[in-house]
């Protein structure tokens, strides 16, 4: 993968204020893309955009709440007013809960499904409409999870949303293939971030790591290659596919 592989492309990353979203934004910028960093809070997005610019990239911070169709429309109008058109979209915004299903509040179920599933649909739809109107091809990447394939305790709405997002990926890939718009999924396993680092230092966390065939957590850079493959023209004949990056976790025994 060369740095020129994304030159001339414009990438929108949701949930880009930190964590994996910020990592994805930096990767795409380093590969040559213009990058739109989107999320609910503009201040951390401005920090991410500034860091990209400081490294020679081109970035635009845009406020966007993926659960609100009006916010999605305003964000795309803002992007268009800057003369940009997102032909790569990374639907990364996501939330979870840690409650048992019997203790789960209805509003928490709705919050997870609205963000992880409906949010991807709203953003993908608006992006696809504008690409079709412009007669341009594109690549949409939904960030799913190995928990869309397997389950864990106390995350019922999260696993349901990610499994549904895998199916939505395939459905949209089928509908939009004739427009040259590819829709694929990237399913990470357990990736070490600031949010989970303390847990994985505990005995339960260490026990979980031992169940990963590679006996290690993934690092954000382990997702860089799969992301750039799906975002670039190197995957021009791939749509409706899921790339799993999990250290072999899905292949582990029950």
Protein backbone atom coordinates (compact mmCIF):
# COMPACT_ATOMS: atom_id res chain seq x y z
CA UNK A 1 0.00 0.00 0.00
CA UNK A 2 1.59 3.26 -1.07
CA UNK A 3 0.86 6.68 0.32
CA UNK A 4 -0.40 7.65 -3.15
CA UNK A 5 -3.23 5.09 -3.00
CA UNK A 6 -5.70 7.59 -1.49
CA UNK A 7 -4.53 10.68 -3.34
CA UNK A 8 -7.48 12.51 -4.88
CA UNK A 9 -10.01 10.95 -2.52
CA UNK A 10 -12.01 12.61 0.24
CA UNK A 11 -12.79 10.54 3.32
CA UNK A 12 -15.42 11.14 5.98
CA UNK A 13 -14.85 9.45 9.35
CA UNK A 14 -17.62 9.48 11.97
CA UNK A 15 -16.82 9.18 15.66
CA UNK A 16 -13.47 10.79 14.85
CA UNK A 17 -12.87 12.83 18.01
CA UNK A 18 -10.62 10.16 19.52
CA UNK A 19 -9.80 6.47 19.75
CA UNK A 20 -10.03 4.39 16.60
CA UNK A 21 -11.90 7.13 14.71
CA UNK A 22 -9.02 9.57 15.14
CA UNK A 23 -6.58 6.80 14.20
CA UNK A 24 -8.53 6.06 11.01
CA UNK A 25 -8.58 9.76 10.12
CA UNK A 26 -4.80 10.04 10.52
CA UNK A 27 -4.23 6.87 8.46
CA UNK A 28 -6.34 8.12 5.59
CA UNK A 29 -4.67 11.54 5.66
CA UNK A 30 -1.20 9.97 5.67
CA UNK A 31 -2.25 7.91 2.65
CA UNK A 32 -3.07 11.11 0.75
CA UNK A 33 -6.80 11.67 1.29
CA UNK A 34 -8.56 14.85 2.30
CA UNK A 35 -10.25 13.94 5.58
CA UNK A 36 -13.49 15.12 7.17
CA UNK A 37 -13.48 14.37 10.90
CA UNK A 38 -17.03 14.21 12.23
CA UNK A 39 -18.60 13.80 15.64
CA UNK A 40 -20.98 15.42 18.10
CA UNK A 41 -18.45 17.72 19.80
CA UNK A 42 -16.56 20.14 17.60
CA UNK A 43 -13.70 21.02 19.98
CA UNK A 44 -11.98 17.59 20.03
CA UNK A 45 -12.55 17.33 16.27
CA UNK A 46 -10.66 20.58 15.81
CA UNK A 47 -7.73 19.11 17.74
CA UNK A 48 -7.69 16.03 15.47
CA UNK A 49 -7.94 18.19 12.34
CA UNK A 50 -5.13 20.43 13.57
CA UNK A 51 -2.87 17.45 14.22
CA UNK A 52 -3.53 16.18 10.69
CA UNK A 53 -2.71 19.57 9.22
CA UNK A 54 0.45 19.81 11.34
CA UNK A 55 1.62 16.61 9.62
CA UNK A 56 0.96 18.04 6.15
CA UNK A 57 -2.56 16.68 5.64
CA UNK A 58 -5.84 18.37 4.79
CA UNK A 59 -8.68 18.02 7.31
CA UNK A 60 -12.10 19.55 7.93
CA UNK A 61 -13.88 19.19 11.31
CA UNK A 62 -17.67 18.93 11.07
CA UNK A 63 -20.26 18.54 13.84
CA UNK A 64 -22.46 15.51 13.18
CA UNK A 65 -24.81 13.47 15.37
CA UNK A 66 -25.32 10.21 13.46
CA UNK A 67 -28.62 9.51 15.27
CA UNK A 68 -30.23 12.75 14.03
CA UNK A 69 -31.19 12.90 10.34
CA UNK A 70 -31.30 16.71 10.41
CA UNK A 71 -27.77 16.82 11.83
CA UNK A 72 -26.57 14.40 9.15
CA UNK A 73 -28.10 16.56 6.42
CA UNK A 74 -26.54 19.75 7.86
CA UNK A 75 -23.13 18.08 8.04
CA UNK A 76 -23.23 17.00 4.41
CA UNK A 77 -24.42 20.46 3.38
CA UNK A 78 -21.46 21.95 5.28
CA UNK A 79 -19.08 19.55 3.54
CA UNK A 80 -20.58 20.45 0.16
CA UNK A 81 -20.33 24.19 0.92
CA UNK A 82 -16.57 23.69 1.33
CA UNK A 83 -16.44 22.18 -2.16
CA UNK A 84 -15.74 18.68 -0.81
CA UNK A 85 -17.53 15.43 -1.72
CA UNK A 86 -16.94 12.37 0.46
CA UNK A 87 -16.21 9.40 -1.78
CA UNK A 88 -14.91 7.30 1.12
CA UNK A 89 -17.07 7.02 4.24
CA UNK A 90 -15.98 5.26 7.43
CA UNK A 91 -18.99 4.68 9.69
CA UNK A 92 -17.13 4.35 12.97
CA UNK A 93 -19.39 6.05 15.54
CA UNK A 94 -20.52 3.51 18.12
CA UNK A 95 -21.58 3.06 21.74
CA UNK A 96 -22.29 0.15 24.05
CA UNK A 97 -23.72 -0.75 27.46
CA UNK A 98 -22.53 -3.18 30.12
CA UNK A 99 -25.90 -4.10 31.69
CA UNK A 100 -27.53 -7.50 31.77
CA UNK A 101 -30.50 -7.62 29.43
CA UNK A 102 -32.95 -7.99 32.33
CA UNK A 103 -31.58 -4.79 33.86
CA UNK A 104 -31.30 -2.84 30.61
CA UNK A 105 -33.36 0.33 30.27
CA UNK A 106 -35.31 0.76 27.04
CA UNK A 107 -33.64 4.10 26.35
CA UNK A 108 -30.21 2.45 26.55
CA UNK A 109 -31.27 -0.19 24.01
CA UNK A 110 -32.49 2.60 21.72
CA UNK A 111 -29.29 4.61 22.18
CA UNK A 112 -27.07 1.70 21.13
CA UNK A 113 -29.21 0.65 18.15
CA UNK A 114 -29.75 4.24 17.02
CA UNK A 115 -26.02 5.00 17.06
CA UNK A 116 -24.56 1.72 15.83
CA UNK A 117 -27.16 0.74 13.25
CA UNK A 118 -29.51 3.58 12.31
CA UNK A 119 -26.62 6.06 12.40
CA UNK A 120 -24.68 4.05 9.80
CA UNK A 121 -27.78 3.84 7.63
CA UNK A 122 -28.45 7.59 7.82
CA UNK A 123 -24.84 8.55 7.02
CA UNK A 124 -24.44 5.93 4.28
CA UNK A 125 -27.71 6.92 2.64
CA UNK A 126 -26.85 10.61 2.52
CA UNK A 127 -23.37 9.89 1.22
CA UNK A 128 -24.72 7.56 -1.47
CA UNK A 129 -27.35 10.07 -2.60
CA UNK A 130 -24.73 12.74 -3.16
CA UNK A 131 -22.33 10.39 -4.92
CA UNK A 132 -25.09 9.15 -7.24
CA UNK A 133 -26.18 12.73 -8.00
CA UNK A 134 -22.55 13.60 -8.84
CA UNK A 135 -22.09 10.46 -10.92
CA UNK A 136 -19.15 9.42 -8.73
CA UNK A 137 -18.16 5.99 -7.36
CA UNK A 138 -17.39 5.52 -3.71
CA UNK A 139 -16.45 3.22 -0.86
CA UNK A 140 -18.39 2.91 2.39
CA UNK A 141 -16.80 1.05 5.29
CA UNK A 142 -18.89 0.02 8.28
CA UNK A 143 -16.91 -0.67 11.45
CA UNK A 144 -18.57 -3.75 12.92
CA UNK A 145 -17.06 -6.19 15.44
CA UNK A 146 -16.37 -9.85 16.03
CA UNK A 147 -19.29 -9.53 18.46
CA UNK A 148 -21.46 -9.37 15.35
CA UNK A 149 -20.40 -13.00 14.80
CA UNK A 150 -20.05 -14.26 18.38
CA UNK A 151 -21.55 -13.11 21.69
CA UNK A 152 -20.38 -11.98 25.10
CA UNK A 153 -22.21 -11.32 28.36
CA UNK A 154 -23.94 -8.06 29.18
CA UNK A 155 -23.70 -6.48 25.71
CA UNK A 156 -26.92 -7.71 24.08
CA UNK A 157 -27.81 -4.49 22.22
CA UNK A 158 -24.23 -4.06 21.02
CA UNK A 159 -23.97 -7.58 19.59
CA UNK A 160 -27.43 -7.24 18.01
CA UNK A 161 -26.51 -3.90 16.42
CA UNK A 162 -23.23 -5.19 15.00
CA UNK A 163 -24.80 -8.37 13.60
CA UNK A 164 -27.51 -6.25 11.98
CA UNK A 165 -24.89 -3.86 10.60
CA UNK A 166 -23.15 -6.78 8.89
CA UNK A 167 -26.42 -7.61 7.13
CA UNK A 168 -27.09 -3.96 6.31
CA UNK A 169 -23.63 -3.83 4.74
CA UNK A 170 -24.54 -6.67 2.40
CA UNK A 171 -27.97 -5.23 1.60
CA UNK A 172 -26.59 -1.80 0.67
CA UNK A 173 -23.75 -3.38 -1.30
CA UNK A 174 -26.33 -5.18 -3.42
CA UNK A 175 -28.46 -2.06 -3.97
CA UNK A 176 -25.63 0.33 -4.80
CA UNK A 177 -23.25 -1.85 -6.81
CA UNK A 178 -24.75 -0.60 -10.08
CA UNK A 179 -23.83 2.96 -9.04
CA UNK A 180 -20.19 2.03 -8.44
CA UNK A 181 -20.58 2.42 -4.68
CA UNK A 182 -18.97 -0.37 -2.69
CA UNK A 183 -20.07 -1.18 0.86
CA UNK A 184 -17.86 -3.37 3.03
CA UNK A 185 -17.31 -4.00 6.73
CA UNK A 186 -14.24 -4.08 8.94
CA UNK A 187 -14.73 -6.24 12.03
CA UNK A 188 -12.07 -5.68 14.69
CA UNK A 189 -11.43 -8.03 17.56
CA UNK A 190 -10.23 -6.70 20.90
CA UNK A 191 -8.09 -3.63 20.17
CA UNK A 192 -6.17 -1.92 22.97
CA UNK A 193 -7.26 1.69 23.52
CA UNK A 194 -7.23 4.21 26.34
CA UNK A 195 -10.78 3.14 27.23
CA UNK A 196 -10.01 -0.56 27.83
CA UNK A 197 -6.33 -0.60 28.80
CA UNK A 198 -7.03 -0.72 32.55
CA UNK A 199 -9.45 -3.63 32.17
CA UNK A 200 -6.97 -5.72 30.22
CA UNK A 201 -4.45 -5.24 33.04
CA UNK A 202 -6.83 -7.02 35.44
CA UNK A 203 -7.00 -10.79 35.94
CA UNK A 204 -10.29 -11.14 33.93
CA UNK A 205 -8.72 -9.04 31.17
CA UNK A 206 -5.57 -11.15 31.10
CA UNK A 207 -7.72 -14.29 30.97
CA UNK A 208 -9.54 -12.94 27.93
CA UNK A 209 -6.24 -12.21 26.16
CA UNK A 210 -5.19 -15.84 26.70
CA UNK A 211 -8.27 -16.94 24.70
CA UNK A 212 -7.07 -15.01 21.63
CA UNK A 213 -5.04 -17.44 19.48
CA UNK A 214 -2.26 -14.88 18.94
CA UNK A 215 -2.21 -14.32 22.74
CA UNK A 216 -2.20 -10.55 22.37
CA UNK A 217 -4.51 -7.60 22.01
CA UNK A 218 -4.71 -5.88 18.66
CA UNK A 219 -3.21 -2.43 18.25
CA UNK A 220 -4.81 0.36 16.22
CA UNK A 221 -2.10 -0.09 13.57
CA UNK A 222 -3.33 -3.68 13.07
CA UNK A 223 -6.43 -2.14 11.46
CA UNK A 224 -4.55 0.24 9.16
CA UNK A 225 -3.93 -2.24 6.33
CA UNK A 226 -7.50 -3.58 6.22
CA UNK A 227 -8.91 -0.04 6.38
CA UNK A 228 -6.76 1.25 3.52
CA UNK A 229 -7.49 -1.83 1.44
CA UNK A 230 -11.25 -1.26 1.68
CA UNK A 231 -10.95 2.51 1.23
CA UNK A 232 -8.70 2.40 -1.84
CA UNK A 233 -9.15 1.17 -5.38
CA UNK A 234 -7.10 -1.92 -4.49
CA UNK A 235 -10.44 -3.42 -3.37
CA UNK A 236 -12.33 -2.30 -6.49
CA UNK A 237 -13.90 -5.77 -6.97
CA UNK A 238 -14.91 -6.17 -3.32
CA UNK A 239 -18.36 -5.24 -2.07
CA UNK A 240 -20.55 -6.81 0.60
CA UNK A 241 -17.45 -8.29 2.22
CA UNK A 242 -16.25 -8.29 5.82
CA UNK A 243 -12.58 -8.14 6.74
CA UNK A 244 -11.96 -9.55 10.22
CA UNK A 245 -8.87 -8.41 12.15
CA UNK A 246 -8.95 -10.25 15.48
CA UNK A 247 -5.79 -12.30 15.99
CA UNK A 248 -7.74 -15.43 15.15
CA UNK A 249 -10.29 -14.90 17.93
CA UNK A 250 -13.27 -16.04 15.82
CA UNK A 251 -11.48 -19.32 15.21
CA UNK A 252 -10.98 -20.05 18.91
CA UNK A 253 -12.81 -22.96 20.52
CA UNK A 254 -15.85 -22.40 22.69
